[in-house]
Protein backbone atom coordinates (compact mmCIF):
# COMPACT_ATOMS: atom_id res chain seq x y z
CA UNK A 1 -0.11 -0.06 -0.07
CA UNK A 2 1.35 3.44 -0.92
CA UNK A 3 2.03 6.28 1.65
CA UNK A 4 -0.91 8.18 0.43
CA UNK A 5 -3.35 5.10 0.53
CA UNK A 6 -2.12 4.33 4.16
CA UNK A 7 -2.89 7.96 5.25
CA UNK A 8 -6.28 7.52 3.61
CA UNK A 9 -7.07 4.22 5.53
CA UNK A 10 -5.85 5.73 8.68
CA UNK A 11 -8.28 8.72 8.25
CA UNK A 12 -11.17 6.27 7.22
CA UNK A 13 -10.25 4.26 10.33
CA UNK A 14 -10.64 7.12 12.70
CA UNK A 15 -13.93 8.32 11.28
CA UNK A 16 -15.47 4.87 11.21
CA UNK A 17 -14.49 3.95 14.87
CA UNK A 18 -15.03 7.35 16.48
CA UNK A 19 -18.54 6.46 17.28
CA UNK A 20 -18.44 2.72 16.45
CA UNK A 21 -18.81 1.63 20.31
CA UNK A 22 -21.51 3.94 21.37
CA UNK A 23 -23.90 0.99 21.82
CA UNK A 24 -21.72 -1.88 22.45
CA UNK A 25 -24.53 -4.12 23.80
CA UNK A 26 -25.67 -4.70 20.07
CA UNK A 27 -22.52 -6.61 19.25
CA UNK A 28 -23.66 -9.64 21.02
CA UNK A 29 -25.70 -10.16 17.94
CA UNK A 30 -22.97 -9.42 15.30
CA UNK A 31 -21.19 -12.41 13.82
CA UNK A 32 -17.95 -10.65 13.21
CA UNK A 33 -17.52 -9.66 16.88
CA UNK A 34 -18.78 -13.01 18.33
CA UNK A 35 -16.53 -15.25 16.09
CA UNK A 36 -13.51 -13.24 17.45
CA UNK A 37 -14.44 -13.80 21.02
CA UNK A 38 -15.11 -17.48 20.31
CA UNK A 39 -11.82 -17.96 18.66
CA UNK A 40 -10.04 -16.20 21.55
CA UNK A 41 -11.73 -18.56 24.10
CA UNK A 42 -10.85 -21.56 22.09
CA UNK A 43 -7.28 -20.59 21.78
CA UNK A 44 -6.93 -19.59 25.51
CA UNK A 45 -8.34 -22.97 26.41
CA UNK A 46 -6.02 -25.00 23.98
CA UNK A 47 -3.11 -22.93 25.10
CA UNK A 48 -3.85 -23.65 28.78
CA UNK A 49 -4.06 -19.99 29.74
CA UNK A 50 -5.56 -19.27 33.19
CA UNK A 51 -8.02 -16.43 33.26
CA UNK A 52 -7.85 -16.01 37.13
CA UNK A 53 -5.67 -13.60 39.22
CA UNK A 54 -3.86 -12.09 36.25
CA UNK A 55 -2.96 -8.71 35.22
CA UNK A 56 -4.25 -8.24 31.69
CA UNK A 57 -4.05 -5.60 29.17
CA UNK A 58 -6.46 -5.46 26.04
CA UNK A 59 -5.17 -3.15 23.15
CA UNK A 60 -8.06 -2.09 21.09
CA UNK A 61 -10.59 -3.65 23.31
CA UNK A 62 -13.69 -2.26 21.60
CA UNK A 63 -16.89 -3.67 22.99
CA UNK A 64 -14.85 -5.30 25.70
CA UNK A 65 -16.29 -8.75 24.92
CA UNK A 66 -12.96 -10.56 24.91
CA UNK A 67 -11.55 -8.54 28.09
CA UNK A 68 -14.58 -9.19 30.14
CA UNK A 69 -14.24 -13.04 29.83
CA UNK A 70 -11.58 -12.86 32.50
CA UNK A 71 -12.53 -13.63 36.13
CA UNK A 72 -13.15 -10.40 38.29
CA UNK A 73 -10.11 -11.62 40.32
CA UNK A 74 -7.97 -10.18 37.50
CA UNK A 75 -6.61 -6.64 37.33
CA UNK A 76 -7.81 -5.56 33.74
CA UNK A 77 -6.59 -2.63 31.73
CA UNK A 78 -7.32 -1.42 28.29
CA UNK A 79 -6.52 1.22 25.76
CA UNK A 80 -8.88 2.18 22.78
CA UNK A 81 -9.13 4.88 20.39
CA UNK A 82 -12.86 5.46 20.88
CA UNK A 83 -14.11 7.47 24.05
CA UNK A 84 -17.32 5.45 23.83
CA UNK A 85 -15.53 2.29 24.26
CA UNK A 86 -13.63 3.56 27.34
CA UNK A 87 -16.85 4.96 29.06
CA UNK A 88 -18.60 1.76 28.49
CA UNK A 89 -15.81 -0.40 29.75
CA UNK A 90 -15.45 1.60 32.79
CA UNK A 91 -19.15 1.12 33.59
CA UNK A 92 -19.04 -2.56 32.82
CA UNK A 93 -16.16 -3.28 35.03
CA UNK A 94 -17.65 -1.55 37.94
CA UNK A 95 -20.88 -3.59 37.54
CA UNK A 96 -18.72 -6.97 37.48
CA UNK A 97 -16.78 -5.88 40.48
CA UNK A 98 -13.24 -6.40 38.98
CA UNK A 99 -10.45 -6.29 41.52
CA UNK A 100 -8.76 -3.35 39.60
CA UNK A 101 -9.67 -1.81 36.31
CA UNK A 102 -8.31 1.05 34.27
CA UNK A 103 -9.17 2.24 30.66
CA UNK A 104 -7.36 4.90 28.65
CA UNK A 105 -8.28 6.62 25.28
CA UNK A 106 -5.18 6.17 23.15
CA UNK A 107 -4.20 6.69 19.47
CA UNK A 108 -1.59 3.80 18.93
CA UNK A 109 -0.27 5.71 15.93
CA UNK A 110 0.85 8.63 18.25
CA UNK A 111 2.15 7.17 21.32
CA UNK A 112 3.63 4.35 23.36
CA UNK A 113 1.45 2.21 25.75
CA UNK A 114 1.28 3.85 29.32
CA UNK A 115 2.63 0.84 31.05
CA UNK A 116 6.06 -0.22 32.66
CA UNK A 117 8.25 -2.94 31.11
CA UNK A 118 7.18 -6.50 31.97
CA UNK A 119 4.15 -5.89 33.94
CA UNK A 120 1.51 -8.03 32.27
CA UNK A 121 0.80 -11.55 32.42
CA UNK A 122 -1.45 -11.43 29.33
CA UNK A 123 -1.76 -8.94 26.50
CA UNK A 124 -4.52 -9.14 24.13
CA UNK A 125 -4.53 -7.52 20.58
CA UNK A 126 -7.56 -8.52 18.54
CA UNK A 127 -7.85 -7.21 14.98
CA UNK A 128 -5.72 -4.02 15.68
CA UNK A 129 -2.49 -4.53 13.77
CA UNK A 130 -4.07 -4.36 10.28
CA UNK A 131 -5.52 -0.90 11.39
CA UNK A 132 -2.22 0.92 12.46
CA UNK A 133 0.44 2.50 10.48
CA UNK A 134 3.31 0.88 12.21
CA UNK A 135 2.65 -2.86 13.17
CA UNK A 136 6.16 -3.40 14.23
CA UNK A 137 6.01 -0.64 16.83
CA UNK A 138 2.91 -2.20 18.38
CA UNK A 139 4.42 -5.63 18.54
CA UNK A 140 7.48 -3.96 20.10
CA UNK A 141 5.29 -2.42 22.80
CA UNK A 142 3.61 -5.84 23.47
CA UNK A 143 7.09 -7.48 23.93
CA UNK A 144 8.10 -4.56 26.29
CA UNK A 145 5.02 -4.61 28.41
CA UNK A 146 4.79 -8.51 28.63
CA UNK A 147 6.27 -10.43 31.54
CA UNK A 148 8.97 -12.90 30.69
CA UNK A 149 6.51 -15.75 31.72
CA UNK A 150 3.56 -14.00 30.11
CA UNK A 151 1.48 -14.72 27.02
CA UNK A 152 0.18 -12.44 24.25
CA UNK A 153 -2.89 -13.46 22.26
CA UNK A 154 -2.97 -11.86 18.90
CA UNK A 155 -5.85 -12.14 16.19
CA UNK A 156 -5.52 -10.88 12.76
CA UNK A 157 -7.43 -11.33 9.51
CA UNK A 158 -5.54 -13.48 6.98
CA UNK A 159 -5.75 -14.28 3.24
CA UNK A 160 -7.45 -10.83 2.39
CA UNK A 161 -7.07 -9.29 -1.03
CA UNK A 162 -5.13 -5.95 -1.18
CA UNK A 163 -7.67 -2.99 -0.58
CA UNK A 164 -10.60 -5.57 0.27
CA UNK A 165 -11.09 -3.67 3.29
CA UNK A 166 -10.65 0.11 3.11
CA UNK A 167 -10.29 0.24 6.93
CA UNK A 168 -7.13 -2.16 6.89
CA UNK A 169 -3.56 -0.58 6.15
CA UNK A 170 -2.06 -4.13 5.30
CA UNK A 171 -2.97 -7.62 4.63
CA UNK A 172 -1.49 -10.67 6.44
CA UNK A 173 -0.78 -14.34 5.86
CA UNK A 174 -0.13 -16.72 8.72
CA UNK A 175 3.43 -17.75 7.21
CA UNK A 176 4.50 -14.09 6.90
CA UNK A 177 3.11 -13.04 10.32
CA UNK A 178 4.95 -16.10 12.15
CA UNK A 179 8.07 -14.81 10.41
CA UNK A 180 7.52 -11.23 11.74
CA UNK A 181 6.89 -12.48 15.14
CA UNK A 182 10.22 -14.54 15.09
CA UNK A 183 12.13 -11.36 14.05
CA UNK A 184 10.28 -9.39 17.00
CA UNK A 185 11.49 -11.81 19.71
CA UNK A 186 8.49 -13.89 20.18
CA UNK A 187 8.11 -17.69 20.35
CA UNK A 188 4.88 -19.30 19.22
CA UNK A 189 3.12 -21.44 21.75
CA UNK A 190 -0.24 -22.01 19.78
CA UNK A 191 -1.51 -21.00 16.44
CA UNK A 192 -5.10 -21.88 15.01
CA UNK A 193 -6.69 -20.65 11.71
CA UNK A 194 -10.49 -20.56 11.39
CA UNK A 195 -13.51 -18.85 10.01
CA UNK A 196 -13.84 -20.63 6.71
CA UNK A 197 -17.65 -20.03 7.14
CA UNK A 198 -16.93 -16.37 6.25
CA UNK A 199 -17.23 -17.53 2.74
CA UNK A 200 -20.80 -18.27 2.92
CA UNK A 201 -21.77 -14.51 2.42
CA UNK A 202 -18.54 -12.64 3.22
CA UNK A 203 -18.54 -11.25 -0.50
CA UNK A 204 -21.84 -9.69 0.15
CA UNK A 205 -20.41 -7.36 2.73
CA UNK A 206 -17.03 -6.78 1.18
CA UNK A 207 -18.72 -5.56 -2.05
CA UNK A 208 -20.80 -3.22 -0.03
CA UNK A 209 -24.32 -4.58 -1.09
CA UNK A 210 -25.59 -4.25 2.63
CA UNK A 211 -25.22 -0.46 2.08
CA UNK A 212 -25.91 -0.21 -1.59
CA UNK A 213 -29.27 -2.09 -1.27
CA UNK A 214 -30.46 -0.62 2.20
CA UNK A 215 -33.64 -2.56 3.05
CA UNK A 216 -32.51 -5.76 1.45
CA UNK A 217 -28.93 -5.35 2.87
CA UNK A 218 -30.54 -5.00 6.36
CA UNK A 219 -32.59 -8.18 6.03
CA UNK A 220 -29.61 -10.19 4.70
CA UNK A 221 -27.46 -8.65 7.63
CA UNK A 222 -30.04 -9.60 10.33
CA UNK A 223 -30.55 -13.11 8.57
CA UNK A 224 -26.86 -13.85 8.45
CA UNK A 225 -25.60 -12.19 11.79
CA UNK A 226 -27.96 -13.20 14.36
CA UNK A 227 -27.74 -16.98 13.82
CA UNK A 228 -24.07 -17.09 13.29
CA UNK A 229 -23.44 -14.82 16.25
CA UNK A 230 -25.43 -17.24 18.54
CA UNK A 231 -24.16 -20.35 17.00
CA UNK A 232 -22.03 -22.66 19.33
CA UNK A 233 -18.49 -22.70 18.33
CA UNK A 234 -18.33 -26.41 17.85
CA UNK A 235 -20.91 -25.86 15.08
CA UNK A 236 -18.46 -23.30 13.58
CA UNK A 237 -15.73 -25.73 13.68
CA UNK A 238 -17.83 -28.38 11.75
CA UNK A 239 -19.00 -25.80 9.14
CA UNK A 240 -15.26 -24.71 8.69
CA UNK A 241 -14.33 -28.27 8.11
CA UNK A 242 -16.91 -28.49 5.22
CA UNK A 243 -15.80 -25.30 3.59
CA UNK A 244 -12.19 -26.38 4.00
CA UNK A 245 -13.06 -29.63 2.09
CA UNK A 246 -14.70 -27.37 -0.55
CA UNK A 247 -11.39 -25.81 -1.15
CA UNK A 248 -11.97 -22.56 0.72
CA UNK A 249 -9.35 -20.90 3.15
CA UNK A 250 -9.43 -19.56 6.58
CA UNK A 251 -10.05 -15.85 7.25
CA UNK A 252 -8.73 -15.36 10.66
CA UNK A 253 -5.76 -16.71 12.63
CA UNK A 254 -5.13 -16.53 16.49
CA UNK A 255 -1.48 -16.58 17.91
CA UNK A 256 -0.67 -17.46 21.54
CA UNK A 257 2.93 -16.16 21.96
CA UNK A 258 5.60 -15.47 24.52
CA UNK A 259 9.15 -14.08 24.60
CA UNK A 260 12.06 -16.00 23.67
């Protein structure tokens, strides 16, 4: 992507996400949000990550769906570009009675994480790296704030076509990202590729039909989003196997990594 295209993507990002999390409750019924949460929980379970009594940082926490899967015995911290995300997370953490909770509005392209070296047991970064200008810088910050015995859980989209999503500054493959992690001083503990089921109707949204045909698009969005958002993850795994047999590829990858 050219420098001009990168700057345009960043501008689009900031406009798009400025008010995106104003009503986080509705994302319980949005497939895109719920599949990320389910993939995260699957990876955490497979990697044997304890979600109790940990100091946790979520970079770009958005609706907070992933961060609030951690037990209230944890100390939770989050940074996000959206002021709505920060306000909502503060209210939700108070209701759930977390041992300690702190949320900060932060533009990752303009500053470092406000945390000391090696202070977090777990760092989460779900679908953030494809939106920032310098993903090496963010990975470097994750490495800096992660404890030597800690684990970072990173989710990224994979196998996208260039310019497929105007909000994405770059595209990834699992192989290339693993190589990048290696050069940044991480070792991989668990990797999982999933969301083959995206191919069912992903093209409809990529091509913008849901916006170009408002009424029909809204109907399709509802019919697709709600059932897939509420579907048990084991059903997703079964459907993924079916789509894989049909020759389709995965659309998301989750990486559980630690320091070398």
